[in-house]
Full PDB file with SEQRES, HELIX, SHEET, SSBOND, CRYST1, ORIGX, SCALE, CONECT and MASTER records, all heavy atoms in Angstrom:
SEQRES   1 A   41  SER GLY GLY ARG THR ASN TYR ALA ASP SER VAL LYS GLY          
SEQRES   2 A   41  ARG PHE THR ILE SER ARG ASP ASN ALA LYS ASN THR VAL          
SEQRES   3 A   41  TYR LEU GLN MET ASN SER LEU LYS PRO GLU ASP THR ALA          
SEQRES   4 A   41  VAL TYR                                                      
HELIX    1 AA1 PRO A   35  ASP A   37  5                                   3    
SHEET    1 AA1 2 PHE A  15  ASP A  20  0                                        
SHEET    2 AA1 2 THR A  25  MET A  30 -1                                        
CRYST1    1.000    1.000    1.000  90.00  90.00  90.00 P 1           1          
ORIGX1      1.000000  0.000000  0.000000        0.00000                         
ORIGX2      0.000000  1.000000  0.000000        0.00000                         
ORIGX3      0.000000  0.000000  1.000000        0.00000                         
SCALE1      1.000000  0.000000  0.000000        0.00000                         
SCALE2      0.000000  1.000000  0.000000        0.00000                         
SCALE3      0.000000  0.000000  1.000000        0.00000                         
ATOM      1  N   SER A   1       3.685  -3.262 -15.164  1.00  0.00           N  
ATOM      2  CA  SER A   1       4.521  -2.323 -15.886  1.00  0.00           C  
ATOM      3  C   SER A   1       3.786  -0.983 -16.014  1.00  0.00           C  
ATOM      4  O   SER A   1       2.576  -0.909 -15.824  1.00  0.00           O  
ATOM      5  CB  SER A   1       4.895  -2.850 -17.252  1.00  0.00           C  
ATOM      6  OG  SER A   1       3.763  -2.951 -18.097  1.00  0.00           O  
ATOM      7  N   GLY A   2       4.537   0.040 -16.348  1.00  0.00           N  
ATOM      8  CA  GLY A   2       3.957   1.350 -16.563  1.00  0.00           C  
ATOM      9  C   GLY A   2       3.830   2.215 -15.325  1.00  0.00           C  
ATOM     10  O   GLY A   2       3.476   3.383 -15.430  1.00  0.00           O  
ATOM     11  N   GLY A   3       4.108   1.678 -14.152  1.00  0.00           N  
ATOM     12  CA  GLY A   3       4.064   2.449 -12.933  1.00  0.00           C  
ATOM     13  C   GLY A   3       2.660   2.811 -12.450  1.00  0.00           C  
ATOM     14  O   GLY A   3       2.497   3.706 -11.602  1.00  0.00           O  
ATOM     15  N   ARG A   4       1.658   2.171 -12.990  1.00  0.00           N  
ATOM     16  CA  ARG A   4       0.256   2.502 -12.626  1.00  0.00           C  
ATOM     17  C   ARG A   4      -0.070   1.933 -11.262  1.00  0.00           C  
ATOM     18  O   ARG A   4       0.217   0.781 -10.965  1.00  0.00           O  
ATOM     19  CB  ARG A   4      -0.690   1.964 -13.665  1.00  0.00           C  
ATOM     20  CG  ARG A   4      -0.605   2.607 -15.036  1.00  0.00           C  
ATOM     21  CD  ARG A   4      -1.465   1.904 -16.043  1.00  0.00           C  
ATOM     22  NE  ARG A   4      -1.045   0.537 -16.260  1.00  0.00           N  
ATOM     23  CZ  ARG A   4      -1.700  -0.364 -16.971  1.00  0.00           C  
ATOM     24  NH1 ARG A   4      -2.845  -0.022 -17.550  1.00  0.00           N  
ATOM     25  NH2 ARG A   4      -1.227  -1.583 -17.136  1.00  0.00           N  
ATOM     26  N   THR A   5      -0.710   2.759 -10.429  1.00  0.00           N  
ATOM     27  CA  THR A   5      -1.168   2.348  -9.118  1.00  0.00           C  
ATOM     28  C   THR A   5      -2.598   2.823  -8.913  1.00  0.00           C  
ATOM     29  O   THR A   5      -3.056   3.744  -9.577  1.00  0.00           O  
ATOM     30  CB  THR A   5      -0.300   2.869  -7.986  1.00  0.00           C  
ATOM     31  OG1 THR A   5      -0.276   4.314  -8.062  1.00  0.00           O  
ATOM     32  CG2 THR A   5       1.122   2.356  -8.076  1.00  0.00           C  
ATOM     33  N   ASN A   6      -3.294   2.171  -7.978  1.00  0.00           N  
ATOM     34  CA  ASN A   6      -4.662   2.552  -7.665  1.00  0.00           C  
ATOM     35  C   ASN A   6      -4.857   2.339  -6.167  1.00  0.00           C  
ATOM     36  O   ASN A   6      -4.386   1.325  -5.611  1.00  0.00           O  
ATOM     37  CB  ASN A   6      -5.652   1.711  -8.445  1.00  0.00           C  
ATOM     38  CG  ASN A   6      -7.080   2.212  -8.356  1.00  0.00           C  
ATOM     39  OD1 ASN A   6      -7.316   3.374  -8.104  1.00  0.00           O  
ATOM     40  ND2 ASN A   6      -8.028   1.301  -8.547  1.00  0.00           N  
ATOM     41  N   TYR A   7      -5.557   3.278  -5.506  1.00  0.00           N  
ATOM     42  CA  TYR A   7      -5.753   3.202  -4.078  1.00  0.00           C  
ATOM     43  C   TYR A   7      -7.217   3.451  -3.735  1.00  0.00           C  
ATOM     44  O   TYR A   7      -7.916   4.239  -4.387  1.00  0.00           O  
ATOM     45  CB  TYR A   7      -4.932   4.278  -3.349  1.00  0.00           C  
ATOM     46  CG  TYR A   7      -3.437   4.074  -3.463  1.00  0.00           C  
ATOM     47  CD1 TYR A   7      -2.722   4.704  -4.490  1.00  0.00           C  
ATOM     48  CD2 TYR A   7      -2.758   3.259  -2.591  1.00  0.00           C  
ATOM     49  CE1 TYR A   7      -1.337   4.527  -4.606  1.00  0.00           C  
ATOM     50  CE2 TYR A   7      -1.380   3.067  -2.703  1.00  0.00           C  
ATOM     51  CZ  TYR A   7      -0.696   3.712  -3.694  1.00  0.00           C  
ATOM     52  OH  TYR A   7       0.669   3.543  -3.810  1.00  0.00           O  
ATOM     53  N   ALA A   8      -7.659   2.819  -2.650  1.00  0.00           N  
ATOM     54  CA  ALA A   8      -8.966   3.123  -2.103  1.00  0.00           C  
ATOM     55  C   ALA A   8      -8.926   4.518  -1.515  1.00  0.00           C  
ATOM     56  O   ALA A   8      -7.906   4.992  -1.015  1.00  0.00           O  
ATOM     57  CB  ALA A   8      -9.340   2.121  -1.018  1.00  0.00           C  
ATOM     58  N   ASP A   9     -10.065   5.230  -1.607  1.00  0.00           N  
ATOM     59  CA  ASP A   9     -10.135   6.593  -1.068  1.00  0.00           C  
ATOM     60  C   ASP A   9      -9.749   6.652   0.399  1.00  0.00           C  
ATOM     61  O   ASP A   9      -9.173   7.631   0.858  1.00  0.00           O  
ATOM     62  CB  ASP A   9     -11.532   7.175  -1.274  1.00  0.00           C  
ATOM     63  CG  ASP A   9     -11.837   7.482  -2.721  1.00  0.00           C  
ATOM     64  OD1 ASP A   9     -10.894   7.573  -3.524  1.00  0.00           O  
ATOM     65  OD2 ASP A   9     -13.025   7.600  -3.053  1.00  0.00           O  
ATOM     66  N   SER A  10     -10.073   5.617   1.144  1.00  0.00           N  
ATOM     67  CA  SER A  10      -9.844   5.616   2.581  1.00  0.00           C  
ATOM     68  C   SER A  10      -8.343   5.591   2.952  1.00  0.00           C  
ATOM     69  O   SER A  10      -8.016   5.920   4.084  1.00  0.00           O  
ATOM     70  CB  SER A  10     -10.571   4.433   3.226  1.00  0.00           C  
ATOM     71  OG  SER A  10     -10.092   3.197   2.695  1.00  0.00           O  
ATOM     72  N   VAL A  11      -7.467   5.203   2.000  1.00  0.00           N  
ATOM     73  CA  VAL A  11      -6.058   5.088   2.321  1.00  0.00           C  
ATOM     74  C   VAL A  11      -5.184   6.022   1.471  1.00  0.00           C  
ATOM     75  O   VAL A  11      -3.965   6.068   1.706  1.00  0.00           O  
ATOM     76  CB  VAL A  11      -5.555   3.638   2.156  1.00  0.00           C  
ATOM     77  CG1 VAL A  11      -6.389   2.686   2.980  1.00  0.00           C  
ATOM     78  CG2 VAL A  11      -5.532   3.211   0.709  1.00  0.00           C  
ATOM     79  N   LYS A  12      -5.752   6.740   0.569  1.00  0.00           N  
ATOM     80  CA  LYS A  12      -4.972   7.662  -0.298  1.00  0.00           C  
ATOM     81  C   LYS A  12      -4.228   8.673   0.565  1.00  0.00           C  
ATOM     82  O   LYS A  12      -4.781   9.263   1.483  1.00  0.00           O  
ATOM     83  CB  LYS A  12      -5.863   8.386  -1.274  1.00  0.00           C  
ATOM     84  CG  LYS A  12      -6.373   7.513  -2.433  1.00  0.00           C  
ATOM     85  CD  LYS A  12      -7.245   8.330  -3.394  1.00  0.00           C  
ATOM     86  CE  LYS A  12      -7.724   7.489  -4.544  1.00  0.00           C  
ATOM     87  NZ  LYS A  12      -8.622   8.235  -5.447  1.00  0.00           N  
ATOM     88  N   GLY A  13      -2.956   8.862   0.247  1.00  0.00           N  
ATOM     89  CA  GLY A  13      -2.116   9.770   0.997  1.00  0.00           C  
ATOM     90  C   GLY A  13      -1.488   9.195   2.227  1.00  0.00           C  
ATOM     91  O   GLY A  13      -0.607   9.810   2.818  1.00  0.00           O  
ATOM     92  N   ARG A  14      -1.911   8.013   2.629  1.00  0.00           N  
ATOM     93  CA  ARG A  14      -1.382   7.360   3.823  1.00  0.00           C  
ATOM     94  C   ARG A  14      -0.647   6.053   3.470  1.00  0.00           C  
ATOM     95  O   ARG A  14       0.354   5.734   4.117  1.00  0.00           O  
ATOM     96  CB  ARG A  14      -2.484   7.064   4.833  1.00  0.00           C  
ATOM     97  CG  ARG A  14      -3.215   8.308   5.349  1.00  0.00           C  
ATOM     98  CD  ARG A  14      -4.122   7.961   6.506  1.00  0.00           C  
ATOM     99  NE  ARG A  14      -5.166   7.014   6.131  1.00  0.00           N  
ATOM    100  CZ  ARG A  14      -5.346   5.815   6.670  1.00  0.00           C  
ATOM    101  NH1 ARG A  14      -4.523   5.386   7.638  1.00  0.00           N  
ATOM    102  NH2 ARG A  14      -6.324   5.020   6.276  1.00  0.00           N  
ATOM    103  N   PHE A  15      -1.163   5.290   2.517  1.00  0.00           N  
ATOM    104  CA  PHE A  15      -0.599   4.010   2.165  1.00  0.00           C  
ATOM    105  C   PHE A  15       0.124   4.087   0.809  1.00  0.00           C  
ATOM    106  O   PHE A  15      -0.297   4.832  -0.064  1.00  0.00           O  
ATOM    107  CB  PHE A  15      -1.689   2.921   2.059  1.00  0.00           C  
ATOM    108  CG  PHE A  15      -2.321   2.509   3.362  1.00  0.00           C  
ATOM    109  CD1 PHE A  15      -2.084   3.225   4.536  1.00  0.00           C  
ATOM    110  CD2 PHE A  15      -3.116   1.412   3.425  1.00  0.00           C  
ATOM    111  CE1 PHE A  15      -2.662   2.850   5.723  1.00  0.00           C  
ATOM    112  CE2 PHE A  15      -3.727   1.021   4.603  1.00  0.00           C  
ATOM    113  CZ  PHE A  15      -3.480   1.753   5.763  1.00  0.00           C  
ATOM    114  N   THR A  16       1.155   3.282   0.633  1.00  0.00           N  
ATOM    115  CA  THR A  16       1.885   3.244  -0.613  1.00  0.00           C  
ATOM    116  C   THR A  16       2.207   1.785  -0.980  1.00  0.00           C  
ATOM    117  O   THR A  16       2.800   1.069  -0.168  1.00  0.00           O  
ATOM    118  CB  THR A  16       3.198   4.024  -0.562  1.00  0.00           C  
ATOM    119  OG1 THR A  16       2.932   5.375  -0.208  1.00  0.00           O  
ATOM    120  CG2 THR A  16       3.914   3.987  -1.909  1.00  0.00           C  
ATOM    121  N   ILE A  17       1.803   1.356  -2.162  1.00  0.00           N  
ATOM    122  CA  ILE A  17       2.153   0.018  -2.658  1.00  0.00           C  
ATOM    123  C   ILE A  17       3.392   0.137  -3.517  1.00  0.00           C  
ATOM    124  O   ILE A  17       3.560   1.079  -4.282  1.00  0.00           O  
ATOM    125  CB  ILE A  17       0.983  -0.601  -3.447  1.00  0.00           C  
ATOM    126  CG1 ILE A  17       1.322  -2.065  -3.819  1.00  0.00           C  
ATOM    127  CG2 ILE A  17       0.633   0.205  -4.657  1.00  0.00           C  
ATOM    128  CD1 ILE A  17       0.128  -2.796  -4.461  1.00  0.00           C  
ATOM    129  N   SER A  18       4.291  -0.832  -3.360  1.00  0.00           N  
ATOM    130  CA  SER A  18       5.513  -0.846  -4.162  1.00  0.00           C  
ATOM    131  C   SER A  18       5.932  -2.301  -4.389  1.00  0.00           C  
ATOM    132  O   SER A  18       5.382  -3.222  -3.789  1.00  0.00           O  
ATOM    133  CB  SER A  18       6.655  -0.064  -3.460  1.00  0.00           C  
ATOM    134  OG  SER A  18       6.956  -0.648  -2.211  1.00  0.00           O  
ATOM    135  N   ARG A  19       6.897  -2.472  -5.272  1.00  0.00           N  
ATOM    136  CA  ARG A  19       7.375  -3.834  -5.568  1.00  0.00           C  
ATOM    137  C   ARG A  19       8.850  -3.816  -5.852  1.00  0.00           C  
ATOM    138  O   ARG A  19       9.405  -2.844  -6.359  1.00  0.00           O  
ATOM    139  CB  ARG A  19       6.606  -4.416  -6.742  1.00  0.00           C  
ATOM    140  CG  ARG A  19       6.820  -3.699  -8.067  1.00  0.00           C  
ATOM    141  CD  ARG A  19       5.748  -4.102  -9.079  1.00  0.00           C  
ATOM    142  NE  ARG A  19       5.743  -5.534  -9.329  1.00  0.00           N  
ATOM    143  CZ  ARG A  19       4.724  -6.198  -9.922  1.00  0.00           C  
ATOM    144  NH1 ARG A  19       3.650  -5.514 -10.305  1.00  0.00           N  
ATOM    145  NH2 ARG A  19       4.820  -7.503 -10.118  1.00  0.00           N  
ATOM    146  N   ASP A  20       9.521  -4.897  -5.513  1.00  0.00           N  
ATOM    147  CA  ASP A  20      10.922  -5.118  -5.768  1.00  0.00           C  
ATOM    148  C   ASP A  20      11.004  -6.458  -6.506  1.00  0.00           C  
ATOM    149  O   ASP A  20      11.014  -7.521  -5.883  1.00  0.00           O  
ATOM    150  CB  ASP A  20      11.748  -5.125  -4.493  1.00  0.00           C  
ATOM    151  CG  ASP A  20      13.232  -5.167  -4.770  1.00  0.00           C  
ATOM    152  OD1 ASP A  20      13.653  -5.636  -5.818  1.00  0.00           O  
ATOM    153  OD2 ASP A  20      14.007  -4.756  -3.871  1.00  0.00           O  
ATOM    154  N   ASN A  21      11.037  -6.395  -7.832  1.00  0.00           N  
ATOM    155  CA  ASN A  21      11.028  -7.627  -8.612  1.00  0.00           C  
ATOM    156  C   ASN A  21      12.288  -8.484  -8.386  1.00  0.00           C  
ATOM    157  O   ASN A  21      12.231  -9.697  -8.474  1.00  0.00           O  
ATOM    158  CB  ASN A  21      10.868  -7.296 -10.087  1.00  0.00           C  
ATOM    159  CG  ASN A  21       9.479  -6.817 -10.421  1.00  0.00           C  
ATOM    160  OD1 ASN A  21       8.533  -7.102  -9.752  1.00  0.00           O  
ATOM    161  ND2 ASN A  21       9.381  -6.066 -11.539  1.00  0.00           N  
ATOM    162  N   ALA A  22      13.421  -7.838  -8.100  1.00  0.00           N  
ATOM    163  CA  ALA A  22      14.633  -8.561  -7.791  1.00  0.00           C  
ATOM    164  C   ALA A  22      14.466  -9.454  -6.593  1.00  0.00           C  
ATOM    165  O   ALA A  22      15.075 -10.537  -6.493  1.00  0.00           O  
ATOM    166  CB  ALA A  22      15.826  -7.625  -7.667  1.00  0.00           C  
ATOM    167  N   LYS A  23      13.718  -8.981  -5.615  1.00  0.00           N  
ATOM    168  CA  LYS A  23      13.464  -9.765  -4.394  1.00  0.00           C  
ATOM    169  C   LYS A  23      12.158 -10.568  -4.444  1.00  0.00           C  
ATOM    170  O   LYS A  23      11.812 -11.263  -3.501  1.00  0.00           O  
ATOM    171  CB  LYS A  23      13.426  -8.827  -3.187  1.00  0.00           C  
ATOM    172  CG  LYS A  23      14.745  -8.107  -2.918  1.00  0.00           C  
ATOM    173  CD  LYS A  23      14.634  -7.227  -1.704  1.00  0.00           C  
ATOM    174  CE  LYS A  23      15.952  -6.537  -1.407  1.00  0.00           C  
ATOM    175  NZ  LYS A  23      15.865  -5.641  -0.217  1.00  0.00           N  
ATOM    176  N   ASN A  24      11.433 -10.426  -5.556  1.00  0.00           N  
ATOM    177  CA  ASN A  24      10.172 -11.135  -5.731  1.00  0.00           C  
ATOM    178  C   ASN A  24       9.202 -10.833  -4.574  1.00  0.00           C  
ATOM    179  O   ASN A  24       8.532 -11.731  -4.046  1.00  0.00           O  
ATOM    180  CB  ASN A  24      10.388 -12.622  -5.848  1.00  0.00           C  
ATOM    181  CG  ASN A  24       9.470 -13.289  -6.848  1.00  0.00           C  
ATOM    182  OD1 ASN A  24       9.022 -12.676  -7.808  1.00  0.00           O  
ATOM    183  ND2 ASN A  24       9.152 -14.574  -6.630  1.00  0.00           N  
ATOM    184  N   THR A  25       9.127  -9.564  -4.218  1.00  0.00           N  
ATOM    185  CA  THR A  25       8.361  -9.112  -3.061  1.00  0.00           C  
ATOM    186  C   THR A  25       7.585  -7.862  -3.368  1.00  0.00           C  
ATOM    187  O   THR A  25       8.052  -6.977  -4.090  1.00  0.00           O  
ATOM    188  CB  THR A  25       9.298  -8.872  -1.853  1.00  0.00           C  
ATOM    189  OG1 THR A  25       9.999 -10.081  -1.553  1.00  0.00           O  
ATOM    190  CG2 THR A  25       8.519  -8.451  -0.644  1.00  0.00           C  
ATOM    191  N   VAL A  26       6.368  -7.762  -2.797  1.00  0.00           N  
ATOM    192  CA  VAL A  26       5.519  -6.590  -2.898  1.00  0.00           C  
ATOM    193  C   VAL A  26       5.324  -6.053  -1.485  1.00  0.00           C  
ATOM    194  O   VAL A  26       5.236  -6.815  -0.509  1.00  0.00           O  
ATOM    195  CB  VAL A  26       4.163  -6.919  -3.534  1.00  0.00           C  
ATOM    196  CG1 VAL A  26       3.270  -5.727  -3.572  1.00  0.00           C  
ATOM    197  CG2 VAL A  26       4.366  -7.476  -4.935  1.00  0.00           C  
ATOM    198  N   TYR A  27       5.229  -4.715  -1.362  1.00  0.00           N  
ATOM    199  CA  TYR A  27       5.138  -4.078  -0.068  1.00  0.00           C  
ATOM    200  C   TYR A  27       3.913  -3.200   0.016  1.00  0.00           C  
ATOM    201  O   TYR A  27       3.380  -2.718  -1.003  1.00  0.00           O  
ATOM    202  CB  TYR A  27       6.376  -3.233   0.223  1.00  0.00           C  
ATOM    203  CG  TYR A  27       7.682  -3.946   0.116  1.00  0.00           C  
ATOM    204  CD1 TYR A  27       8.432  -3.908  -1.056  1.00  0.00           C  
ATOM    205  CD2 TYR A  27       8.152  -4.695   1.193  1.00  0.00           C  
ATOM    206  CE1 TYR A  27       9.631  -4.584  -1.141  1.00  0.00           C  
ATOM    207  CE2 TYR A  27       9.363  -5.372   1.115  1.00  0.00           C  
ATOM    208  CZ  TYR A  27      10.091  -5.318  -0.049  1.00  0.00           C  
ATOM    209  OH  TYR A  27      11.277  -6.002  -0.137  1.00  0.00           O  
ATOM    210  N   LEU A  28       3.465  -2.955   1.237  1.00  0.00           N  
ATOM    211  CA  LEU A  28       2.440  -1.962   1.512  1.00  0.00           C  
ATOM    212  C   LEU A  28       2.919  -1.145   2.722  1.00  0.00           C  
ATOM    213  O   LEU A  28       2.899  -1.639   3.844  1.00  0.00           O  
ATOM    214  CB  LEU A  28       1.088  -2.602   1.801  1.00  0.00           C  
ATOM    215  CG  LEU A  28      -0.063  -1.625   2.009  1.00  0.00           C  
ATOM    216  CD1 LEU A  28      -0.385  -0.879   0.708  1.00  0.00           C  
ATOM    217  CD2 LEU A  28      -1.293  -2.327   2.548  1.00  0.00           C  
ATOM    218  N   GLN A  29       3.344   0.074   2.452  1.00  0.00           N  
ATOM    219  CA  GLN A  29       3.750   0.973   3.511  1.00  0.00           C  
ATOM    220  C   GLN A  29       2.522   1.691   4.043  1.00  0.00           C  
ATOM    221  O   GLN A  29       1.802   2.356   3.269  1.00  0.00           O  
ATOM    222  CB  GLN A  29       4.771   1.994   2.997  1.00  0.00           C  
ATOM    223  CG  GLN A  29       5.219   3.017   4.041  1.00  0.00           C  
ATOM    224  CD  GLN A  29       6.003   2.399   5.157  1.00  0.00           C  
ATOM    225  OE1 GLN A  29       6.897   1.589   4.904  1.00  0.00           O  
ATOM    226  NE2 GLN A  29       5.703   2.758   6.411  1.00  0.00           N  
ATOM    227  N   MET A  30       2.259   1.579   5.335  1.00  0.00           N  
ATOM    228  CA  MET A  30       1.049   2.132   5.941  1.00  0.00           C  
ATOM    229  C   MET A  30       1.487   3.162   6.976  1.00  0.00           C  
ATOM    230  O   MET A  30       2.080   2.801   8.004  1.00  0.00           O  
ATOM    231  CB  MET A  30       0.202   1.047   6.581  1.00  0.00           C  
ATOM    232  CG  MET A  30      -0.165  -0.082   5.624  1.00  0.00           C  
ATOM    233  SD  MET A  30      -1.285  -1.293   6.387  1.00  0.00           S  
ATOM    234  CE  MET A  30      -0.189  -1.971   7.639  1.00  0.00           C  
ATOM    235  N   ASN A  31       1.197   4.432   6.730  1.00  0.00           N  
ATOM    236  CA  ASN A  31       1.522   5.510   7.633  1.00  0.00           C  
ATOM    237  C   ASN A  31       0.236   6.087   8.226  1.00  0.00           C  
ATOM    238  O   ASN A  31      -0.867   5.932   7.690  1.00  0.00           O  
ATOM    239  CB  ASN A  31       2.296   6.609   6.908  1.00  0.00           C  
ATOM    240  CG  ASN A  31       3.616   6.135   6.382  1.00  0.00           C  
ATOM    241  OD1 ASN A  31       4.263   5.282   6.984  1.00  0.00           O  
ATOM    242  ND2 ASN A  31       4.057   6.698   5.248  1.00  0.00           N  
ATOM    243  N   SER A  32       0.393   6.826   9.324  1.00  0.00           N  
ATOM    244  CA  SER A  32      -0.753   7.500   9.984  1.00  0.00           C  
ATOM    245  C   SER A  32      -1.898   6.518  10.175  1.00  0.00           C  
ATOM    246  O   SER A  32      -3.047   6.838   9.877  1.00  0.00           O  
ATOM    247  CB  SER A  32      -1.186   8.703   9.161  1.00  0.00           C  
ATOM    248  OG  SER A  32      -0.144   9.644   9.018  1.00  0.00           O  
ATOM    249  N   LEU A  33      -1.613   5.397  10.752  1.00  0.00           N  
ATOM    250  CA  LEU A  33      -2.623   4.347  10.908  1.00  0.00           C  
ATOM    251  C   LEU A  33      -3.732   4.794  11.832  1.00  0.00           C  
ATOM    252  O   LEU A  33      -3.494   5.536  12.821  1.00  0.00           O  
ATOM    253  CB  LEU A  33      -1.976   3.079  11.422  1.00  0.00           C  
ATOM    254  CG  LEU A  33      -1.217   2.273  10.369  1.00  0.00           C  
ATOM    255  CD1 LEU A  33      -0.293   1.250  10.994  1.00  0.00           C  
ATOM    256  CD2 LEU A  33      -2.195   1.580   9.410  1.00  0.00           C  
ATOM    257  N   LYS A  34      -4.935   4.355  11.519  1.00  0.00           N  
ATOM    258  CA  LYS A  34      -6.137   4.676  12.279  1.00  0.00           C  
ATOM    259  C   LYS A  34      -6.762   3.397  12.810  1.00  0.00           C  
ATOM    260  O   LYS A  34      -6.577   2.307  12.227  1.00  0.00           O  
ATOM    261  CB  LYS A  34      -7.133   5.422  11.408  1.00  0.00           C  
ATOM    262  CG  LYS A  34      -6.629   6.682  10.739  1.00  0.00           C  
ATOM    263  CD  LYS A  34      -7.673   7.233   9.796  1.00  0.00           C  
ATOM    264  CE  LYS A  34      -7.171   8.485   9.109  1.00  0.00           C  
ATOM    265  NZ  LYS A  34      -8.159   9.036   8.176  1.00  0.00           N  
ATOM    266  N   PRO A  35      -7.537   3.462  13.884  1.00  0.00           N  
ATOM    267  CA  PRO A  35      -8.232   2.274  14.384  1.00  0.00           C  
ATOM    268  C   PRO A  35      -9.054   1.584  13.304  1.00  0.00           C  
ATOM    269  O   PRO A  35      -9.143   0.344  13.318  1.00  0.00           O  
ATOM    270  CB  PRO A  35      -9.091   2.788  15.511  1.00  0.00           C  
ATOM    271  CG  PRO A  35      -8.334   3.983  16.022  1.00  0.00           C  
ATOM    272  CD  PRO A  35      -7.742   4.617  14.794  1.00  0.00           C  
ATOM    273  N   GLU A  36      -9.657   2.327  12.401  1.00  0.00           N  
ATOM    274  CA  GLU A  36     -10.443   1.723  11.341  1.00  0.00           C  
ATOM    275  C   GLU A  36      -9.622   0.956  10.299  1.00  0.00           C  
ATOM    276  O   GLU A  36     -10.186   0.282   9.434  1.00  0.00           O  
ATOM    277  CB  GLU A  36     -11.308   2.779  10.628  1.00  0.00           C  
ATOM    278  CG  GLU A  36     -10.550   4.014  10.200  1.00  0.00           C  
ATOM    279  CD  GLU A  36     -10.663   5.161  11.182  1.00  0.00           C  
ATOM    280  OE1 GLU A  36     -10.519   4.895  12.408  1.00  0.00           O  
ATOM    281  OE2 GLU A  36     -10.880   6.311  10.749  1.00  0.00           O  
ATOM    282  N   ASP A  37      -8.293   1.044  10.374  1.00  0.00           N  
ATOM    283  CA  ASP A  37      -7.417   0.229   9.527  1.00  0.00           C  
ATOM    284  C   ASP A  37      -7.244  -1.182  10.061  1.00  0.00           C  
ATOM    285  O   ASP A  37      -6.621  -2.020   9.385  1.00  0.00           O  
ATOM    286  CB  ASP A  37      -6.055   0.875   9.359  1.00  0.00           C  
ATOM    287  CG  ASP A  37      -6.121   2.215   8.646  1.00  0.00           C  
ATOM    288  OD1 ASP A  37      -6.873   2.322   7.655  1.00  0.00           O  
ATOM    289  OD2 ASP A  37      -5.404   3.145   9.051  1.00  0.00           O  
ATOM    290  N   THR A  38      -7.729  -1.441  11.261  1.00  0.00           N  
ATOM    291  CA  THR A  38      -7.596  -2.764  11.842  1.00  0.00           C  
ATOM    292  C   THR A  38      -8.285  -3.806  10.978  1.00  0.00           C  
ATOM    293  O   THR A  38      -9.453  -3.700  10.679  1.00  0.00           O  
ATOM    294  CB  THR A  38      -8.198  -2.798  13.250  1.00  0.00           C  
ATOM    295  OG1 THR A  38      -7.471  -1.904  14.092  1.00  0.00           O  
ATOM    296  CG2 THR A  38      -8.172  -4.190  13.842  1.00  0.00           C  
ATOM    297  N   ALA A  39      -7.519  -4.814  10.557  1.00  0.00           N  
ATOM    298  CA  ALA A  39      -8.035  -5.836   9.643  1.00  0.00           C  
ATOM    299  C   ALA A  39      -6.957  -6.868   9.389  1.00  0.00           C  
ATOM    300  O   ALA A  39      -5.797  -6.697   9.760  1.00  0.00           O  
ATOM    301  CB  ALA A  39      -8.488  -5.219   8.318  1.00  0.00           C  
ATOM    302  N   VAL A  40      -7.333  -7.965   8.745  1.00  0.00           N  
ATOM    303  CA  VAL A  40      -6.388  -8.901   8.170  1.00  0.00           C  
ATOM    304  C   VAL A  40      -6.126  -8.430   6.759  1.00  0.00           C  
ATOM    305  O   VAL A  40      -7.055  -8.235   5.958  1.00  0.00           O  
ATOM    306  CB  VAL A  40      -6.904 -10.355   8.177  1.00  0.00           C  
ATOM    307  CG1 VAL A  40      -5.905 -11.284   7.508  1.00  0.00           C  
ATOM    308  CG2 VAL A  40      -7.180 -10.808   9.595  1.00  0.00           C  
ATOM    309  N   TYR A  41      -4.852  -8.280   6.402  1.00  0.00           N  
ATOM    310  CA  TYR A  41      -4.444  -7.799   5.101  1.00  0.00           C  
ATOM    311  C   TYR A  41      -3.928  -8.930   4.237  1.00  0.00           C  
ATOM    312  O   TYR A  41      -3.111  -9.733   4.705  1.00  0.00           O  
ATOM    313  CB  TYR A  41      -3.349  -6.711   5.246  1.00  0.00           C  
ATOM    314  CG  TYR A  41      -3.887  -5.402   5.693  1.00  0.00           C  
ATOM    315  CD1 TYR A  41      -4.331  -5.224   7.015  1.00  0.00           C  
ATOM    316  CD2 TYR A  41      -3.969  -4.302   4.846  1.00  0.00           C  
ATOM    317  CE1 TYR A  41      -4.835  -4.014   7.440  1.00  0.00           C  
ATOM    318  CE2 TYR A  41      -4.489  -3.086   5.249  1.00  0.00           C  
ATOM    319  CZ  TYR A  41      -4.920  -2.958   6.578  1.00  0.00           C  
ATOM    320  OH  TYR A  41      -5.416  -1.739   7.019  1.00  0.00           O  
TER     321      TYR A  41                                                      
MASTER        0    0    0    1    2    0    0    6  320    1    0    4          
END                                                                             
């Protein structure tokens, strides 16, 4: 609650976390992806 979010410096401005409680789902929108973003999430 409260709309508070926190991001790692490496993804600020590129990634966005959001949630849809009605769908019981959380999302991570990843834009401007870089090779260094390669990982298991």
